[in-house]
Protein backbone atom coordinates (compact mmCIF):
# COMPACT_ATOMS: atom_id res chain seq x y z
CA UNK A 1 0.00 0.00 0.00
CA UNK A 2 1.37 3.43 -0.85
CA UNK A 3 2.23 5.90 1.89
CA UNK A 4 4.09 9.17 2.03
CA UNK A 5 6.17 10.07 5.07
CA UNK A 6 5.54 13.54 6.43
CA UNK A 7 8.12 14.12 9.17
CA UNK A 8 7.50 10.66 10.58
CA UNK A 9 3.73 10.69 10.01
CA UNK A 10 2.66 8.15 7.38
CA UNK A 11 -0.19 9.28 5.12
CA UNK A 12 -2.06 6.63 3.14
CA UNK A 13 -3.16 7.24 -0.45
CA UNK A 14 -4.21 5.32 -3.54
CA UNK A 15 -4.29 6.20 -7.24
CA UNK A 16 -6.35 4.42 -9.89
CA UNK A 17 -6.74 4.92 -13.61
CA UNK A 18 -5.05 7.09 -16.22
CA UNK A 19 -5.82 10.52 -17.56
CA UNK A 20 -6.25 13.96 -16.01
CA UNK A 21 -5.72 13.74 -12.23
CA UNK A 22 -8.54 14.20 -9.71
CA UNK A 23 -7.76 14.34 -5.96
CA UNK A 24 -10.71 13.50 -3.69
CA UNK A 25 -10.69 14.20 0.06
CA UNK A 26 -13.11 12.55 2.50
CA UNK A 27 -15.22 14.05 5.28
CA UNK A 28 -14.46 14.09 8.99
CA UNK A 29 -14.50 10.59 10.52
CA UNK A 30 -14.89 9.03 7.08
CA UNK A 31 -12.03 7.57 5.00
CA UNK A 32 -11.00 7.17 1.40
CA UNK A 33 -13.30 4.13 1.23
CA UNK A 34 -16.25 6.51 0.80
CA UNK A 35 -15.06 7.19 -2.77
CA UNK A 36 -15.16 3.58 -4.02
CA UNK A 37 -18.12 4.25 -6.30
CA UNK A 38 -16.46 7.31 -7.79
CA UNK A 39 -13.14 5.56 -8.35
CA UNK A 40 -14.93 2.83 -10.30
CA UNK A 41 -16.87 5.36 -12.37
CA UNK A 42 -14.03 7.79 -13.11
CA UNK A 43 -10.90 5.62 -13.34
CA UNK A 44 -11.51 4.62 -16.99
CA UNK A 45 -10.96 8.27 -18.01
CA UNK A 46 -9.19 9.95 -15.09
CA UNK A 47 -6.42 9.32 -12.60
CA UNK A 48 -8.38 9.26 -9.34
CA UNK A 49 -6.39 9.84 -6.15
CA UNK A 50 -7.94 9.21 -2.73
CA UNK A 51 -6.32 9.37 0.69
CA UNK A 52 -6.87 9.18 4.44
CA UNK A 53 -6.37 12.36 6.46
CA UNK A 54 -4.27 12.38 9.63
CA UNK A 55 -6.04 10.55 12.44
CA UNK A 56 -8.24 8.71 9.94
CA UNK A 57 -8.25 5.25 8.42
CA UNK A 58 -4.85 3.83 7.49
CA UNK A 59 -2.94 7.09 8.01
CA UNK A 60 -1.04 7.63 11.24
CA UNK A 61 -2.47 9.29 14.34
CA UNK A 62 0.42 11.15 16.00
CA UNK A 63 0.08 11.97 19.69
CA UNK A 64 1.11 15.62 19.30
CA UNK A 65 -1.97 17.87 18.85
CA UNK A 66 0.20 20.29 16.85
CA UNK A 67 0.39 17.70 14.05
CA UNK A 68 -3.29 18.27 13.20
CA UNK A 69 -4.22 21.45 11.34
CA UNK A 70 -5.59 22.90 8.13
CA UNK A 71 -2.03 23.74 7.09
CA UNK A 72 -0.81 20.17 7.67
CA UNK A 73 -3.77 18.81 5.70
CA UNK A 74 -3.10 21.09 2.74
CA UNK A 75 0.59 20.23 2.69
CA UNK A 76 -0.28 16.52 2.89
CA UNK A 77 -2.43 16.96 -0.22
CA UNK A 78 0.38 18.73 -2.05
CA UNK A 79 2.88 16.07 -0.97
CA UNK A 80 0.68 13.29 -2.38
CA UNK A 81 0.53 15.09 -5.72
CA UNK A 82 4.31 15.54 -5.57
CA UNK A 83 4.81 11.82 -4.87
CA UNK A 84 2.79 11.01 -7.99
CA UNK A 85 4.60 13.57 -10.13
CA UNK A 86 1.44 15.65 -10.57
CA UNK A 87 1.78 19.42 -10.84
CA UNK A 88 -1.90 20.32 -11.29
CA UNK A 89 -5.14 18.47 -10.53
CA UNK A 90 -8.85 18.80 -10.09
CA UNK A 91 -9.27 19.17 -6.32
CA UNK A 92 -12.50 17.92 -4.74
CA UNK A 93 -13.93 16.76 -1.46
CA UNK A 94 -16.99 16.23 0.69
CA UNK A 95 -17.73 18.08 3.94
CA UNK A 96 -14.37 18.59 5.70
CA UNK A 97 -12.72 17.42 2.49
CA UNK A 98 -14.52 20.15 0.56
CA UNK A 99 -13.40 22.80 3.02
CA UNK A 100 -9.83 21.53 2.75
CA UNK A 101 -10.14 21.66 -1.04
CA UNK A 102 -10.92 25.37 -0.74
CA UNK A 103 -7.98 25.75 1.63
CA UNK A 104 -5.75 23.95 -0.89
CA UNK A 105 -6.82 26.34 -3.63
CA UNK A 106 -6.09 29.29 -1.37
CA UNK A 107 -2.55 27.98 -0.77
CA UNK A 108 -1.92 26.55 -4.25
CA UNK A 109 -4.13 28.25 -6.86
CA UNK A 110 -1.67 27.35 -9.62
CA UNK A 111 -1.93 23.64 -8.78
CA UNK A 112 -5.75 23.67 -8.85
CA UNK A 113 -7.21 22.93 -12.29
CA UNK A 114 -10.79 22.99 -10.98
CA UNK A 115 -12.70 22.64 -7.71
CA UNK A 116 -15.46 20.21 -6.76
CA UNK A 117 -17.18 21.07 -3.48
CA UNK A 118 -19.61 18.44 -2.21
CA UNK A 119 -21.96 18.88 0.78
CA UNK A 120 -19.62 21.35 2.40
CA UNK A 121 -19.25 24.91 3.62
CA UNK A 122 -16.59 27.62 3.41
CA UNK A 123 -16.34 28.38 7.12
CA UNK A 124 -17.57 31.50 8.93
CA UNK A 125 -17.02 35.23 8.75
CA UNK A 126 -19.03 35.71 11.93
CA UNK A 127 -16.96 34.79 15.02
CA UNK A 128 -20.14 33.68 16.83
CA UNK A 129 -20.93 31.20 14.07
CA UNK A 130 -17.37 29.91 14.17
CA UNK A 131 -17.53 29.50 17.94
CA UNK A 132 -20.76 27.50 17.68
CA UNK A 133 -19.17 25.24 15.06
CA UNK A 134 -16.12 24.76 17.26
CA UNK A 135 -18.29 23.77 20.22
CA UNK A 136 -19.67 21.00 18.03
CA UNK A 137 -16.15 19.96 17.02
CA UNK A 138 -15.10 19.85 20.68
CA UNK A 139 -18.15 17.71 21.49
CA UNK A 140 -17.10 15.28 18.75
CA UNK A 141 -13.59 15.14 20.24
CA UNK A 142 -14.90 14.45 23.76
CA UNK A 143 -17.20 11.74 22.44
CA UNK A 144 -14.28 9.88 20.86
CA UNK A 145 -12.22 10.28 24.03
CA UNK A 146 -14.97 8.91 26.25
CA UNK A 147 -16.68 6.34 24.01
CA UNK A 148 -13.94 5.35 21.60
CA UNK A 149 -14.85 4.34 18.07
CA UNK A 150 -18.42 3.69 19.23
CA UNK A 151 -18.84 7.47 18.84
CA UNK A 152 -18.70 7.23 15.04
CA UNK A 153 -21.87 8.74 13.60
CA UNK A 154 -24.57 7.09 11.51
CA UNK A 155 -23.69 8.76 8.18
CA UNK A 156 -23.36 6.51 5.16
CA UNK A 157 -19.81 7.72 4.49
CA UNK A 158 -18.86 6.97 8.11
CA UNK A 159 -20.47 3.53 8.32
CA UNK A 160 -18.10 2.13 5.69
CA UNK A 161 -15.01 3.65 7.33
CA UNK A 162 -12.42 1.62 9.23
CA UNK A 163 -10.35 3.53 11.78
CA UNK A 164 -7.47 2.56 14.04
CA UNK A 165 -7.48 5.37 16.60
CA UNK A 166 -10.28 7.14 18.42
CA UNK A 167 -7.64 9.46 19.89
CA UNK A 168 -6.56 10.42 16.38
CA UNK A 169 -10.14 11.33 15.48
CA UNK A 170 -10.44 13.43 18.64
CA UNK A 171 -7.25 15.31 17.82
CA UNK A 172 -8.40 15.78 14.23
CA UNK A 173 -11.65 17.30 15.49
CA UNK A 174 -9.78 19.89 17.53
CA UNK A 175 -7.09 20.67 14.97
CA UNK A 176 -8.74 20.11 11.57
CA UNK A 177 -12.52 20.16 11.96
CA UNK A 178 -12.42 23.24 14.20
CA UNK A 179 -11.90 26.57 12.46
CA UNK A 180 -9.77 29.50 13.54
CA UNK A 181 -10.17 32.31 11.02
CA UNK A 182 -12.14 33.55 7.98
CA UNK A 183 -9.40 33.19 5.36
CA UNK A 184 -11.17 30.47 3.36
CA UNK A 185 -14.61 32.07 3.20
CA UNK A 186 -13.02 35.39 2.28
CA UNK A 187 -11.22 33.74 -0.65
CA UNK A 188 -14.36 32.65 -2.51
CA UNK A 189 -14.63 35.71 -4.74
CA UNK A 190 -10.97 35.30 -5.80
CA UNK A 191 -11.49 31.80 -7.25
CA UNK A 192 -10.87 31.80 -11.01
CA UNK A 193 -11.01 28.07 -11.78
CA UNK A 194 -14.12 26.13 -12.86
CA UNK A 195 -16.04 25.12 -9.74
CA UNK A 196 -18.78 22.57 -9.14
CA UNK A 197 -20.82 23.14 -5.96
CA UNK A 198 -22.98 20.08 -5.25
CA UNK A 199 -25.30 19.14 -2.39
CA UNK A 200 -27.84 16.45 -1.55
CA UNK A 201 -31.36 17.87 -1.48
CA UNK A 202 -31.89 16.50 2.06
CA UNK A 203 -28.58 17.82 3.44
CA UNK A 204 -30.31 20.69 5.21
CA UNK A 205 -27.31 21.93 7.26
CA UNK A 206 -25.39 22.59 4.04
CA UNK A 207 -28.08 23.90 1.67
CA UNK A 208 -27.49 27.50 2.70
CA UNK A 209 -23.71 27.15 2.49
CA UNK A 210 -24.07 25.68 -1.00
CA UNK A 211 -26.16 28.63 -2.16
CA UNK A 212 -23.65 31.03 -0.61
CA UNK A 213 -20.68 29.44 -2.37
CA UNK A 214 -22.51 29.23 -5.68
CA UNK A 215 -23.28 32.95 -5.44
CA UNK A 216 -19.80 34.05 -4.34
CA UNK A 217 -17.56 31.90 -6.58
CA UNK A 218 -17.45 33.44 -10.07
CA UNK A 219 -19.06 31.14 -12.63
CA UNK A 220 -19.72 28.32 -10.16
CA UNK A 221 -22.03 25.52 -11.29
CA UNK A 222 -24.56 24.36 -8.69
CA UNK A 223 -26.10 20.88 -8.68
CA UNK A 224 -28.64 19.45 -6.21
CA UNK A 225 -28.73 15.64 -6.02
CA UNK A 226 -32.29 14.36 -5.59
CA UNK A 227 -33.07 12.03 -2.72
CA UNK A 228 -29.61 12.42 -1.19
CA UNK A 229 -28.48 13.52 2.24
CA UNK A 230 -25.00 14.51 3.40
CA UNK A 231 -23.25 11.60 1.66
CA UNK A 232 -24.65 12.50 -1.76
CA UNK A 233 -22.12 10.30 -3.54
CA UNK A 234 -23.35 7.22 -1.65
CA UNK A 235 -27.05 8.09 -1.33
CA UNK A 236 -27.53 8.64 -5.08
CA UNK A 237 -24.34 7.56 -6.84
CA UNK A 238 -25.83 7.53 -10.33
CA UNK A 239 -26.88 11.19 -10.21
CA UNK A 240 -23.72 12.20 -8.35
CA UNK A 241 -21.40 10.48 -10.81
CA UNK A 242 -23.30 11.88 -13.78
CA UNK A 243 -22.93 15.43 -12.44
CA UNK A 244 -19.23 14.97 -11.75
CA UNK A 245 -18.52 13.36 -15.13
CA UNK A 246 -20.39 16.12 -16.97
CA UNK A 247 -18.42 18.78 -15.08
CA UNK A 248 -15.07 17.10 -15.73
CA UNK A 249 -15.83 16.49 -19.40
CA UNK A 250 -16.55 20.19 -19.91
CA UNK A 251 -13.27 21.43 -18.42
CA UNK A 252 -11.07 23.35 -20.85
């Protein structure tokens, strides 16, 4: 199995297929396994790269809380592309993975061919909104510390995940799921690459965020997946894959 070593922290990734590269990042407490249906659909025409974030799945869970951050996640993504000899890719993700895709674009706009933002949000300008989100992240961390992996949620993308460390998930909640500034949301109007903003029609917590991103990102394409909740790619894979394939096929 392929890993990269990031200062002693092993990060798991896989690549399948040939063609233009597409990097997909999973949501919090999910793993790269959530993308199985997309790898199968896209690999005949694209090089599909999936990976496990720090504290998740087959990647390492270091004990140092300082090893978990937005910056570490973005540099992990860049390091995976480097390991594969890829300079520029379509960058996409669901939920936390979508937010990190925006953060990657902010750090590496020249390496981002296009963005695909699934069932996600851009963070908060309002400090009160950010604080409320961070209270939820802290509650997730405490749940993993007290209940172990039994604290995994019921989401479809989470049910198929396999994790090794509840402590790693707790640290990831505090360092990666929690948010600390408005840099990402303030970057939306500067995005100049083709962007797909997609949401499941039943994913009520993210419907407003989807509308906001579609309005703020110049030229963004919005798609609502019928009958789908937060894991739109699993709840309605046929419609999800069709939307993604149409977007990718139209890229210049």
